[in-house]
């Protein structure tokens, strides 16, 4: 069964148009390394919770929203190799520079998940 990565970031709304070309480039690089499917989704119908919610998870600040990413891989080995190679790809160098980032990477979270059920 496939392997899945989820990523969640706090994105300043003013950076949305600058962010779109970055995610297209990122998806291209990862697709070249075996990515099956890629989806970036921006908060649209997301309630604010009393204890926890998407906004609290990344500690959004004024003018920020939440973006979630779903990456589907054929297997964990392909995913691990893609992340290793992708992070070394010179096309992504500027994007990976914390000084040039369009969002606060310290508040980003991510993880890899084994598939429990899939159709």
PDB file of N, CA and C in Angstrom:
ATOM      1  N   UNK A   1       0.835  -1.183   0.000  1.00  0.00           N
ATOM      2  CA  UNK A   1       0.000   0.000   0.000  1.00  0.00           C
ATOM      3  C   UNK A   1       0.880   1.247   0.000  1.00  0.00           C
ATOM      4  N   UNK A   2       0.285   2.349  -0.361  1.00  0.00           N
ATOM      5  CA  UNK A   2       1.034   3.597  -0.494  1.00  0.00           C
ATOM      6  C   UNK A   2       1.435   4.162   0.868  1.00  0.00           C
ATOM      7  N   UNK A   3       2.245   5.196   0.813  1.00  0.00           N
ATOM      8  CA  UNK A   3       2.726   5.906   1.999  1.00  0.00           C
ATOM      9  C   UNK A   3       2.351   7.372   1.829  1.00  0.00           C
ATOM     10  N   UNK A   4       2.018   8.054   2.927  1.00  0.00           N
ATOM     11  CA  UNK A   4       1.496   9.411   2.841  1.00  0.00           C
ATOM     12  C   UNK A   4       2.241  10.345   3.788  1.00  0.00           C
ATOM     13  N   UNK A   5       2.542  11.540   3.304  1.00  0.00           N
ATOM     14  CA  UNK A   5       3.065  12.619   4.145  1.00  0.00           C
ATOM     15  C   UNK A   5       1.987  13.677   4.280  1.00  0.00           C
ATOM     16  N   UNK A   6       1.894  14.238   5.469  1.00  0.00           N
ATOM     17  CA  UNK A   6       1.035  15.389   5.720  1.00  0.00           C
ATOM     18  C   UNK A   6       1.916  16.508   6.245  1.00  0.00           C
ATOM     19  N   UNK A   7       1.673  17.727   5.776  1.00  0.00           N
ATOM     20  CA  UNK A   7       2.424  18.898   6.217  1.00  0.00           C
ATOM     21  C   UNK A   7       1.409  19.997   6.514  1.00  0.00           C
ATOM     22  N   UNK A   8       1.642  20.739   7.581  1.00  0.00           N
ATOM     23  CA  UNK A   8       0.742  21.833   7.949  1.00  0.00           C
ATOM     24  C   UNK A   8       1.589  23.073   8.240  1.00  0.00           C
ATOM     25  N   UNK A   9       1.243  24.208   7.598  1.00  0.00           N
ATOM     26  CA  UNK A   9       2.013  25.433   7.785  1.00  0.00           C
ATOM     27  C   UNK A   9       1.095  26.627   8.071  1.00  0.00           C
ATOM     28  N   UNK A  10       1.663  27.646   8.742  1.00  0.00           N
ATOM     29  CA  UNK A  10       0.962  28.925   8.874  1.00  0.00           C
ATOM     30  C   UNK A  10       1.426  29.827   7.738  1.00  0.00           C
ATOM     31  N   UNK A  11       0.546  30.195   6.851  1.00  0.00           N
ATOM     32  CA  UNK A  11       0.939  31.015   5.699  1.00  0.00           C
ATOM     33  C   UNK A  11       0.345  32.415   5.802  1.00  0.00           C
ATOM     34  N   UNK A  12       1.201  33.449   5.757  1.00  0.00           N
ATOM     35  CA  UNK A  12       0.651  34.808   5.687  1.00  0.00           C
ATOM     36  C   UNK A  12      -0.182  34.941   4.409  1.00  0.00           C
ATOM     37  N   UNK A  13      -1.395  35.445   4.555  1.00  0.00           N
ATOM     38  CA  UNK A  13      -2.294  35.564   3.406  1.00  0.00           C
ATOM     39  C   UNK A  13      -1.681  36.419   2.300  1.00  0.00           C
ATOM     40  N   UNK A  14      -0.859  37.400   2.666  1.00  0.00           N
ATOM     41  CA  UNK A  14      -0.206  38.259   1.672  1.00  0.00           C
ATOM     42  C   UNK A  14       0.820  37.502   0.827  1.00  0.00           C
ATOM     43  N   UNK A  15       1.238  36.318   1.270  1.00  0.00           N
ATOM     44  CA  UNK A  15       2.246  35.538   0.537  1.00  0.00           C
ATOM     45  C   UNK A  15       1.648  34.458  -0.356  1.00  0.00           C
ATOM     46  N   UNK A  16       0.326  34.378  -0.410  1.00  0.00           N
ATOM     47  CA  UNK A  16      -0.316  33.295  -1.156  1.00  0.00           C
ATOM     48  C   UNK A  16       0.103  33.268  -2.625  1.00  0.00           C
ATOM     49  N   UNK A  17       0.083  34.395  -3.303  1.00  0.00           N
ATOM     50  CA  UNK A  17       0.435  34.409  -4.727  1.00  0.00           C
ATOM     51  C   UNK A  17       1.906  34.079  -4.954  1.00  0.00           C
ATOM     52  N   UNK A  18       2.781  34.450  -4.036  1.00  0.00           N
ATOM     53  CA  UNK A  18       4.210  34.093  -4.144  1.00  0.00           C
ATOM     54  C   UNK A  18       4.422  32.614  -3.827  1.00  0.00           C
ATOM     55  N   UNK A  19       3.552  32.063  -2.993  1.00  0.00           N
ATOM     56  CA  UNK A  19       3.678  30.677  -2.556  1.00  0.00           C
ATOM     57  C   UNK A  19       3.308  29.696  -3.667  1.00  0.00           C
ATOM     58  N   UNK A  20       2.355  30.046  -4.485  1.00  0.00           N
ATOM     59  CA  UNK A  20       1.872  29.127  -5.526  1.00  0.00           C
ATOM     60  C   UNK A  20       2.983  28.643  -6.465  1.00  0.00           C
ATOM     61  N   UNK A  21       3.852  29.514  -7.006  1.00  0.00           N
ATOM     62  CA  UNK A  21       4.927  29.008  -7.859  1.00  0.00           C
ATOM     63  C   UNK A  21       5.912  28.111  -7.103  1.00  0.00           C
ATOM     64  N   UNK A  22       6.107  28.388  -5.824  1.00  0.00           N
ATOM     65  CA  UNK A  22       7.006  27.558  -5.023  1.00  0.00           C
ATOM     66  C   UNK A  22       6.459  26.137  -4.893  1.00  0.00           C
ATOM     67  N   UNK A  23       5.155  26.023  -4.624  1.00  0.00           N
ATOM     68  CA  UNK A  23       4.615  24.676  -4.453  1.00  0.00           C
ATOM     69  C   UNK A  23       4.565  23.926  -5.784  1.00  0.00           C
ATOM     70  N   UNK A  24       4.380  24.641  -6.875  1.00  0.00           N
ATOM     71  CA  UNK A  24       4.415  23.987  -8.188  1.00  0.00           C
ATOM     72  C   UNK A  24       5.813  23.437  -8.468  1.00  0.00           C
ATOM     73  N   UNK A  25       6.844  24.215  -8.149  1.00  0.00           N
ATOM     74  CA  UNK A  25       8.221  23.751  -8.337  1.00  0.00           C
ATOM     75  C   UNK A  25       8.516  22.574  -7.414  1.00  0.00           C
ATOM     76  N   UNK A  26       8.123  22.691  -6.160  1.00  0.00           N
ATOM     77  CA  UNK A  26       8.339  21.614  -5.202  1.00  0.00           C
ATOM     78  C   UNK A  26       7.679  20.325  -5.682  1.00  0.00           C
ATOM     79  N   UNK A  27       6.429  20.423  -6.128  1.00  0.00           N
ATOM     80  CA  UNK A  27       5.711  19.246  -6.620  1.00  0.00           C
ATOM     81  C   UNK A  27       6.404  18.638  -7.831  1.00  0.00           C
ATOM     82  N   UNK A  28       6.928  19.482  -8.717  1.00  0.00           N
ATOM     83  CA  UNK A  28       7.641  19.000  -9.896  1.00  0.00           C
ATOM     84  C   UNK A  28       8.867  18.191  -9.500  1.00  0.00           C
ATOM     85  N   UNK A  29       9.648  18.742  -8.574  1.00  0.00           N
ATOM     86  CA  UNK A  29      10.864  18.049  -8.116  1.00  0.00           C
ATOM     87  C   UNK A  29      10.502  16.718  -7.469  1.00  0.00           C
ATOM     88  N   UNK A  30       9.501  16.731  -6.615  1.00  0.00           N
ATOM     89  CA  UNK A  30       9.134  15.490  -5.935  1.00  0.00           C
ATOM     90  C   UNK A  30       8.513  14.483  -6.901  1.00  0.00           C
ATOM     91  N   UNK A  31       7.757  14.948  -7.877  1.00  0.00           N
ATOM     92  CA  UNK A  31       7.194  14.048  -8.889  1.00  0.00           C
ATOM     93  C   UNK A  31       8.325  13.333  -9.648  1.00  0.00           C
ATOM     94  N   UNK A  32       9.392  14.077  -9.945  1.00  0.00           N
ATOM     95  CA  UNK A  32      10.557  13.479 -10.600  1.00  0.00           C
ATOM     96  C   UNK A  32      11.208  12.404  -9.729  1.00  0.00           C
ATOM     97  N   UNK A  33      10.935  12.440  -8.428  1.00  0.00           N
ATOM     98  CA  UNK A  33      11.512  11.487  -7.480  1.00  0.00           C
ATOM     99  C   UNK A  33      10.519  10.434  -7.007  1.00  0.00           C
ATOM    100  N   UNK A  34       9.370  10.308  -7.708  1.00  0.00           N
ATOM    101  CA  UNK A  34       8.459   9.211  -7.422  1.00  0.00           C
ATOM    102  C   UNK A  34       7.123   9.577  -6.804  1.00  0.00           C
ATOM    103  N   UNK A  35       6.860  10.856  -6.561  1.00  0.00           N
ATOM    104  CA  UNK A  35       5.591  11.283  -5.981  1.00  0.00           C
ATOM    105  C   UNK A  35       4.431  10.873  -6.891  1.00  0.00           C
ATOM    106  N   UNK A  36       3.385  10.310  -6.311  1.00  0.00           N
ATOM    107  CA  UNK A  36       2.207   9.899  -7.072  1.00  0.00           C
ATOM    108  C   UNK A  36       1.200  11.037  -7.159  1.00  0.00           C
ATOM    109  N   UNK A  37       0.926  11.667  -6.017  1.00  0.00           N
ATOM    110  CA  UNK A  37      -0.112  12.679  -5.949  1.00  0.00           C
ATOM    111  C   UNK A  37       0.283  13.750  -4.942  1.00  0.00           C
ATOM    112  N   UNK A  38      -0.113  14.990  -5.232  1.00  0.00           N
ATOM    113  CA  UNK A  38       0.249  16.119  -4.377  1.00  0.00           C
ATOM    114  C   UNK A  38      -0.931  17.072  -4.304  1.00  0.00           C
ATOM    115  N   UNK A  39      -1.267  17.504  -3.095  1.00  0.00           N
ATOM    116  CA  UNK A  39      -2.373  18.438  -2.922  1.00  0.00           C
ATOM    117  C   UNK A  39      -2.032  19.431  -1.819  1.00  0.00           C
ATOM    118  N   UNK A  40      -2.173  20.711  -2.116  1.00  0.00           N
ATOM    119  CA  UNK A  40      -2.053  21.775  -1.112  1.00  0.00           C
ATOM    120  C   UNK A  40      -3.451  22.342  -0.942  1.00  0.00           C
ATOM    121  N   UNK A  41      -3.877  22.497   0.291  1.00  0.00           N
ATOM    122  CA  UNK A  41      -5.218  22.996   0.565  1.00  0.00           C
ATOM    123  C   UNK A  41      -5.155  24.106   1.605  1.00  0.00           C
ATOM    124  N   UNK A  42      -5.885  25.196   1.330  1.00  0.00           N
ATOM    125  CA  UNK A  42      -5.905  26.347   2.224  1.00  0.00           C
ATOM    126  C   UNK A  42      -7.195  26.325   3.037  1.00  0.00           C
ATOM    127  N   UNK A  43      -7.106  26.714   4.307  1.00  0.00           N
ATOM    128  CA  UNK A  43      -8.272  26.707   5.193  1.00  0.00           C
ATOM    129  C   UNK A  43      -9.415  27.498   4.573  1.00  0.00           C
ATOM    130  N   UNK A  44     -10.585  26.884   4.561  1.00  0.00           N
ATOM    131  CA  UNK A  44     -11.761  27.502   3.965  1.00  0.00           C
ATOM    132  C   UNK A  44     -12.962  27.400   4.907  1.00  0.00           C
ATOM    133  N   UNK A  45     -13.229  26.207   5.378  1.00  0.00           N
ATOM    134  CA  UNK A  45     -14.356  25.963   6.277  1.00  0.00           C
ATOM    135  C   UNK A  45     -13.795  25.275   7.519  1.00  0.00           C
ATOM    136  N   UNK A  46     -13.013  26.026   8.292  1.00  0.00           N
ATOM    137  CA  UNK A  46     -12.270  25.466   9.414  1.00  0.00           C
ATOM    138  C   UNK A  46     -12.698  26.177  10.702  1.00  0.00           C
ATOM    139  N   UNK A  47     -13.416  25.482  11.572  1.00  0.00           N
ATOM    140  CA  UNK A  47     -13.879  26.131  12.797  1.00  0.00           C
ATOM    141  C   UNK A  47     -12.734  26.343  13.798  1.00  0.00           C
ATOM    142  N   UNK A  48     -12.877  27.388  14.586  1.00  0.00           N
ATOM    143  CA  UNK A  48     -11.950  27.631  15.687  1.00  0.00           C
ATOM    144  C   UNK A  48     -12.453  26.817  16.869  1.00  0.00           C
ATOM    145  N   UNK A  49     -11.570  25.987  17.412  1.00  0.00           N
ATOM    146  CA  UNK A  49     -11.965  25.117  18.512  1.00  0.00           C
ATOM    147  C   UNK A  49     -11.692  25.739  19.872  1.00  0.00           C
ATOM    148  N   UNK A  50     -12.252  25.129  20.908  1.00  0.00           N
ATOM    149  CA  UNK A  50     -12.020  25.610  22.274  1.00  0.00           C
ATOM    150  C   UNK A  50     -10.692  25.092  22.823  1.00  0.00           C
ATOM    151  N   UNK A  51     -10.377  23.851  22.563  1.00  0.00           N
ATOM    152  CA  UNK A  51      -9.142  23.263  23.080  1.00  0.00           C
ATOM    153  C   UNK A  51      -8.036  23.224  22.046  1.00  0.00           C
ATOM    154  N   UNK A  52      -8.397  22.756  20.849  1.00  0.00           N
ATOM    155  CA  UNK A  52      -7.397  22.648  19.791  1.00  0.00           C
ATOM    156  C   UNK A  52      -8.078  22.806  18.437  1.00  0.00           C
ATOM    157  N   UNK A  53      -7.313  23.173  17.447  1.00  0.00           N
ATOM    158  CA  UNK A  53      -7.803  23.293  16.082  1.00  0.00           C
ATOM    159  C   UNK A  53      -6.592  23.485  15.168  1.00  0.00           C
ATOM    160  N   UNK A  54      -6.861  23.617  13.883  1.00  0.00           N
ATOM    161  CA  UNK A  54      -5.774  23.780  12.915  1.00  0.00           C
ATOM    162  C   UNK A  54      -4.983  25.065  13.172  1.00  0.00           C
ATOM    163  N   UNK A  55      -5.669  26.134  13.548  1.00  0.00           N
ATOM    164  CA  UNK A  55      -5.015  27.423  13.761  1.00  0.00           C
ATOM    165  C   UNK A  55      -4.090  27.377  14.979  1.00  0.00           C
ATOM    166  N   UNK A  56      -4.557  26.733  16.032  1.00  0.00           N
ATOM    167  CA  UNK A  56      -3.723  26.597  17.237  1.00  0.00           C
ATOM    168  C   UNK A  56      -2.518  25.688  16.973  1.00  0.00           C
ATOM    169  N   UNK A  57      -2.716  24.700  16.127  1.00  0.00           N
ATOM    170  CA  UNK A  57      -1.644  23.733  15.853  1.00  0.00           C
ATOM    171  C   UNK A  57      -0.389  24.403  15.309  1.00  0.00           C
ATOM    172  N   UNK A  58      -0.574  25.453  14.498  1.00  0.00           N
ATOM    173  CA  UNK A  58       0.584  26.158  13.932  1.00  0.00           C
ATOM    174  C   UNK A  58       0.713  27.577  14.487  1.00  0.00           C
ATOM    175  N   UNK A  59      -0.059  27.848  15.551  1.00  0.00           N
ATOM    176  CA  UNK A  59       0.008  29.143  16.230  1.00  0.00           C
ATOM    177  C   UNK A  59      -0.112  30.316  15.257  1.00  0.00           C
ATOM    178  N   UNK A  60      -1.185  30.293  14.441  1.00  0.00           N
ATOM    179  CA  UNK A  60      -1.358  31.375  13.469  1.00  0.00           C
ATOM    180  C   UNK A  60      -1.393  32.725  14.168  1.00  0.00           C
ATOM    181  N   UNK A  61      -0.909  33.710  13.452  1.00  0.00           N
ATOM    182  CA  UNK A  61      -0.893  35.091  13.918  1.00  0.00           C
ATOM    183  C   UNK A  61      -1.792  35.904  13.002  1.00  0.00           C
ATOM    184  N   UNK A  62      -2.030  37.164  13.371  1.00  0.00           N
ATOM    185  CA  UNK A  62      -2.879  38.027  12.544  1.00  0.00           C
ATOM    186  C   UNK A  62      -2.400  38.009  11.094  1.00  0.00           C
ATOM    187  N   UNK A  63      -3.328  37.861  10.175  1.00  0.00           N
ATOM    188  CA  UNK A  63      -3.003  37.874   8.752  1.00  0.00           C
ATOM    189  C   UNK A  63      -2.541  36.542   8.199  1.00  0.00           C
ATOM    190  N   UNK A  64      -2.537  35.489   9.018  1.00  0.00           N
ATOM    191  CA  UNK A  64      -2.111  34.166   8.558  1.00  0.00           C
ATOM    192  C   UNK A  64      -3.301  33.221   8.457  1.00  0.00           C
ATOM    193  N   UNK A  65      -3.138  32.215   7.646  1.00  0.00           N
ATOM    194  CA  UNK A  65      -4.104  31.136   7.551  1.00  0.00           C
ATOM    195  C   UNK A  65      -3.343  29.814   7.587  1.00  0.00           C
ATOM    196  N   UNK A  66      -4.065  28.734   7.496  1.00  0.00           N
ATOM    197  CA  UNK A  66      -3.467  27.400   7.558  1.00  0.00           C
ATOM    198  C   UNK A  66      -3.491  26.761   6.175  1.00  0.00           C
ATOM    199  N   UNK A  67      -2.366  26.150   5.804  1.00  0.00           N
ATOM    200  CA  UNK A  67      -2.269  25.378   4.571  1.00  0.00           C
ATOM    201  C   UNK A  67      -1.851  23.960   4.947  1.00  0.00           C
ATOM    202  N   UNK A  68      -2.586  22.992   4.435  1.00  0.00           N
ATOM    203  CA  UNK A  68      -2.260  21.577   4.643  1.00  0.00           C
ATOM    204  C   UNK A  68      -1.858  20.955   3.317  1.00  0.00           C
ATOM    205  N   UNK A  69      -0.889  20.085   3.399  1.00  0.00           N
ATOM    206  CA  UNK A  69      -0.370  19.411   2.216  1.00  0.00           C
ATOM    207  C   UNK A  69      -0.490  17.900   2.387  1.00  0.00           C
ATOM    208  N   UNK A  70      -0.846  17.239   1.306  1.00  0.00           N
ATOM    209  CA  UNK A  70      -0.982  15.793   1.268  1.00  0.00           C
ATOM    210  C   UNK A  70      -0.104  15.292   0.127  1.00  0.00           C
ATOM    211  N   UNK A  71       0.863  14.436   0.449  1.00  0.00           N
ATOM    212  CA  UNK A  71       1.750  13.864  -0.564  1.00  0.00           C
ATOM    213  C   UNK A  71       1.587  12.344  -0.531  1.00  0.00           C
ATOM    214  N   UNK A  72       1.303  11.744  -1.671  1.00  0.00           N
ATOM    215  CA  UNK A  72       1.112  10.300  -1.737  1.00  0.00           C
ATOM    216  C   UNK A  72       2.264   9.675  -2.519  1.00  0.00           C
ATOM    217  N   UNK A  73       2.851   8.667  -1.917  1.00  0.00           N
ATOM    218  CA  UNK A  73       4.004   7.951  -2.477  1.00  0.00           C
ATOM    219  C   UNK A  73       3.641   6.497  -2.709  1.00  0.00           C
ATOM    220  N   UNK A  74       4.351   5.810  -3.615  1.00  0.00           N
ATOM    221  CA  UNK A  74       4.060   4.389  -3.811  1.00  0.00           C
ATOM    222  C   UNK A  74       4.428   3.540  -2.589  1.00  0.00           C
ATOM    223  N   UNK A  75       5.449   3.984  -1.830  1.00  0.00           N
ATOM    224  CA  UNK A  75       5.902   3.253  -0.649  1.00  0.00           C
ATOM    225  C   UNK A  75       6.843   4.151   0.152  1.00  0.00           C
ATOM    226  N   UNK A  76       7.188   3.716   1.353  1.00  0.00           N
ATOM    227  CA  UNK A  76       8.031   4.520   2.250  1.00  0.00           C
ATOM    228  C   UNK A  76       9.450   4.673   1.702  1.00  0.00           C
ATOM    229  N   UNK A  77       9.985   3.636   1.077  1.00  0.00           N
ATOM    230  CA  UNK A  77      11.350   3.714   0.538  1.00  0.00           C
ATOM    231  C   UNK A  77      11.447   4.801  -0.534  1.00  0.00           C
ATOM    232  N   UNK A  78      10.458   4.868  -1.420  1.00  0.00           N
ATOM    233  CA  UNK A  78      10.443   5.915  -2.447  1.00  0.00           C
ATOM    234  C   UNK A  78      10.349   7.278  -1.790  1.00  0.00           C
ATOM    235  N   UNK A  79       9.490   7.398  -0.805  1.00  0.00           N
ATOM    236  CA  UNK A  79       9.330   8.665  -0.082  1.00  0.00           C
ATOM    237  C   UNK A  79      10.631   9.097   0.580  1.00  0.00           C
ATOM    238  N   UNK A  80      11.276   8.181   1.292  1.00  0.00           N
ATOM    239  CA  UNK A  80      12.525   8.524   1.983  1.00  0.00           C
ATOM    240  C   UNK A  80      13.588   8.977   0.992  1.00  0.00           C
ATOM    241  N   UNK A  81      13.708   8.280  -0.114  1.00  0.00           N
ATOM    242  CA  UNK A  81      14.671   8.632  -1.151  1.00  0.00           C
ATOM    243  C   UNK A  81      14.345   9.993  -1.775  1.00  0.00           C
ATOM    244  N   UNK A  82      13.061  10.232  -2.021  1.00  0.00           N
ATOM    245  CA  UNK A  82      12.635  11.495  -2.632  1.00  0.00           C
ATOM    246  C   UNK A  82      12.945  12.680  -1.733  1.00  0.00           C
ATOM    247  N   UNK A  83      12.670  12.552  -0.448  1.00  0.00           N
ATOM    248  CA  UNK A  83      12.961  13.655   0.470  1.00  0.00           C
ATOM    249  C   UNK A  83      14.468  13.912   0.536  1.00  0.00           C
ATOM    250  N   UNK A  84      15.247  12.848   0.576  1.00  0.00           N
ATOM    251  CA  UNK A  84      16.704  13.017   0.623  1.00  0.00           C
ATOM    252  C   UNK A  84      17.215  13.718  -0.635  1.00  0.00           C
ATOM    253  N   UNK A  85      16.792  13.236  -1.790  1.00  0.00           N
ATOM    254  CA  UNK A  85      17.226  13.827  -3.057  1.00  0.00           C
ATOM    255  C   UNK A  85      16.614  15.202  -3.293  1.00  0.00           C
ATOM    256  N   UNK A  86      15.345  15.338  -2.976  1.00  0.00           N
ATOM    257  CA  UNK A  86      14.641  16.592  -3.207  1.00  0.00           C
ATOM    258  C   UNK A  86      15.237  17.757  -2.426  1.00  0.00           C
ATOM    259  N   UNK A  87      15.612  17.508  -1.189  1.00  0.00           N
ATOM    260  CA  UNK A  87      16.174  18.583  -0.370  1.00  0.00           C
ATOM    261  C   UNK A  87      17.554  19.021  -0.864  1.00  0.00           C
ATOM    262  N   UNK A  88      18.197  18.193  -1.665  1.00  0.00           N
ATOM    263  CA  UNK A  88      19.499  18.535  -2.251  1.00  0.00           C
ATOM    264  C   UNK A  88      19.365  19.180  -3.630  1.00  0.00           C
ATOM    265  N   UNK A  89      18.162  19.171  -4.184  1.00  0.00           N
ATOM    266  CA  UNK A  89      17.955  19.699  -5.530  1.00  0.00           C
ATOM    267  C   UNK A  89      18.179  21.210  -5.535  1.00  0.00           C
ATOM    268  N   UNK A  90      19.075  21.710  -6.391  1.00  0.00           N
ATOM    269  CA  UNK A  90      19.380  23.145  -6.401  1.00  0.00           C
ATOM    270  C   UNK A  90      18.180  24.032  -6.744  1.00  0.00           C
ATOM    271  N   UNK A  91      17.175  23.476  -7.414  1.00  0.00           N
ATOM    272  CA  UNK A  91      15.987  24.270  -7.733  1.00  0.00           C
ATOM    273  C   UNK A  91      15.202  24.669  -6.479  1.00  0.00           C
ATOM    274  N   UNK A  92      15.405  23.916  -5.395  1.00  0.00           N
ATOM    275  CA  UNK A  92      14.674  24.192  -4.161  1.00  0.00           C
ATOM    276  C   UNK A  92      15.510  24.954  -3.135  1.00  0.00           C
ATOM    277  N   UNK A  93      16.730  25.294  -3.468  1.00  0.00           N
ATOM    278  CA  UNK A  93      17.638  25.921  -2.505  1.00  0.00           C
ATOM    279  C   UNK A  93      17.061  27.193  -1.891  1.00  0.00           C
ATOM    280  N   UNK A  94      16.538  28.079  -2.714  1.00  0.00           N
ATOM    281  CA  UNK A  94      15.999  29.336  -2.182  1.00  0.00           C
ATOM    282  C   UNK A  94      14.800  29.074  -1.270  1.00  0.00           C
ATOM    283  N   UNK A  95      13.955  28.159  -1.667  1.00  0.00           N
ATOM    284  CA  UNK A  95      12.769  27.836  -0.887  1.00  0.00           C
ATOM    285  C   UNK A  95      13.136  27.275   0.486  1.00  0.00           C
ATOM    286  N   UNK A  96      14.232  26.538   0.564  1.00  0.00           N
ATOM    287  CA  UNK A  96      14.645  25.908   1.812  1.00  0.00           C
ATOM    288  C   UNK A  96      15.435  26.847   2.719  1.00  0.00           C
ATOM    289  N   UNK A  97      15.776  28.027   2.229  1.00  0.00           N
ATOM    290  CA  UNK A  97      16.522  29.008   3.013  1.00  0.00           C
ATOM    291  C   UNK A  97      15.575  29.660   4.018  1.00  0.00           C
ATOM    292  N   UNK A  98      15.797  29.466   5.323  1.00  0.00           N
ATOM    293  CA  UNK A  98      14.898  30.047   6.330  1.00  0.00           C
ATOM    294  C   UNK A  98      14.775  31.574   6.221  1.00  0.00           C
ATOM    295  N   UNK A  99      15.805  32.235   5.761  1.00  0.00           N
ATOM    296  CA  UNK A  99      15.769  33.696   5.614  1.00  0.00           C
ATOM    297  C   UNK A  99      14.852  34.136   4.469  1.00  0.00           C
ATOM    298  N   UNK A 100      14.658  33.269   3.482  1.00  0.00           N
ATOM    299  CA  UNK A 100      13.847  33.621   2.310  1.00  0.00           C
ATOM    300  C   UNK A 100      12.458  32.984   2.349  1.00  0.00           C
ATOM    301  N   UNK A 101      12.170  32.225   3.393  1.00  0.00           N
ATOM    302  CA  UNK A 101      10.913  31.497   3.470  1.00  0.00           C
ATOM    303  C   UNK A 101       9.708  32.436   3.518  1.00  0.00           C
ATOM    304  N   UNK A 102       8.624  31.998   2.901  1.00  0.00           N
ATOM    305  CA  UNK A 102       7.382  32.768   2.887  1.00  0.00           C
ATOM    306  C   UNK A 102       6.514  32.509   4.114  1.00  0.00           C
ATOM    307  N   UNK A 103       6.954  31.595   4.999  1.00  0.00           N
ATOM    308  CA  UNK A 103       6.215  31.291   6.225  1.00  0.00           C
ATOM    309  C   UNK A 103       7.221  30.914   7.316  1.00  0.00           C
ATOM    310  N   UNK A 104       6.764  30.904   8.547  1.00  0.00           N
ATOM    311  CA  UNK A 104       7.620  30.564   9.685  1.00  0.00           C
ATOM    312  C   UNK A 104       7.719  29.050   9.824  1.00  0.00           C
ATOM    313  N   UNK A 105       8.826  28.512   9.359  1.00  0.00           N
ATOM    314  CA  UNK A 105       9.033  27.067   9.379  1.00  0.00           C
ATOM    315  C   UNK A 105       9.100  26.473  10.775  1.00  0.00           C
ATOM    316  N   UNK A 106       9.342  27.283  11.786  1.00  0.00           N
ATOM    317  CA  UNK A 106       9.399  26.773  13.156  1.00  0.00           C
ATOM    318  C   UNK A 106       8.017  26.343  13.645  1.00  0.00           C
ATOM    319  N   UNK A 107       6.966  26.871  13.009  1.00  0.00           N
ATOM    320  CA  UNK A 107       5.606  26.519  13.414  1.00  0.00           C
ATOM    321  C   UNK A 107       4.975  25.486  12.481  1.00  0.00           C
ATOM    322  N   UNK A 108       5.724  25.028  11.513  1.00  0.00           N
ATOM    323  CA  UNK A 108       5.262  23.990  10.594  1.00  0.00           C
ATOM    324  C   UNK A 108       5.366  22.634  11.297  1.00  0.00           C
ATOM    325  N   UNK A 109       4.467  21.715  10.964  1.00  0.00           N
ATOM    326  CA  UNK A 109       4.645  20.335  11.424  1.00  0.00           C
ATOM    327  C   UNK A 109       4.322  19.388  10.289  1.00  0.00           C
ATOM    328  N   UNK A 110       4.868  18.186  10.370  1.00  0.00           N
ATOM    329  CA  UNK A 110       4.724  17.210   9.295  1.00  0.00           C
ATOM    330  C   UNK A 110       4.916  15.814   9.860  1.00  0.00           C
ATOM    331  N   UNK A 111       4.576  14.845   9.050  1.00  0.00           N
ATOM    332  CA  UNK A 111       4.795  13.463   9.445  1.00  0.00           C
ATOM    333  C   UNK A 111       4.457  12.523   8.318  1.00  0.00           C
ATOM    334  N   UNK A 112       5.058  11.341   8.378  1.00  0.00           N
ATOM    335  CA  UNK A 112       4.794  10.280   7.417  1.00  0.00           C
ATOM    336  C   UNK A 112       3.878   9.235   8.035  1.00  0.00           C
ATOM    337  N   UNK A 113       2.963   8.734   7.229  1.00  0.00           N
ATOM    338  CA  UNK A 113       1.942   7.813   7.734  1.00  0.00           C
ATOM    339  C   UNK A 113       1.852   6.571   6.846  1.00  0.00           C
ATOM    340  N   UNK A 114       1.834   5.415   7.479  1.00  0.00           N
ATOM    341  CA  UNK A 114       1.568   4.162   6.781  1.00  0.00           C
ATOM    342  C   UNK A 114       0.080   4.092   6.500  1.00  0.00           C
ATOM    343  N   UNK A 115      -0.271   3.568   5.357  1.00  0.00           N
ATOM    344  CA  UNK A 115      -1.660   3.477   4.952  1.00  0.00           C
ATOM    345  C   UNK A 115      -2.384   2.417   5.789  1.00  0.00           C
ATOM    346  N   UNK A 116      -3.514   2.794   6.351  1.00  0.00           N
ATOM    347  CA  UNK A 116      -4.345   1.880   7.126  1.00  0.00           C
ATOM    348  C   UNK A 116      -5.414   1.244   6.252  1.00  0.00           C
ATOM    349  N   UNK A 117      -5.989   2.053   5.352  1.00  0.00           N
ATOM    350  CA  UNK A 117      -7.035   1.603   4.436  1.00  0.00           C
ATOM    351  C   UNK A 117      -6.969   2.479   3.209  1.00  0.00           C
ATOM    352  N   UNK A 118      -7.173   1.879   2.048  1.00  0.00           N
ATOM    353  CA  UNK A 118      -7.075   2.637   0.810  1.00  0.00           C
ATOM    354  C   UNK A 118      -7.964   2.022  -0.256  1.00  0.00           C
ATOM    355  N   UNK A 119      -8.698   2.872  -1.019  1.00  0.00           N
ATOM    356  CA  UNK A 119      -9.479   2.364  -2.148  1.00  0.00           C
ATOM    357  C   UNK A 119      -9.179   3.225  -3.370  1.00  0.00           C
TER     358      UNK A 119
END
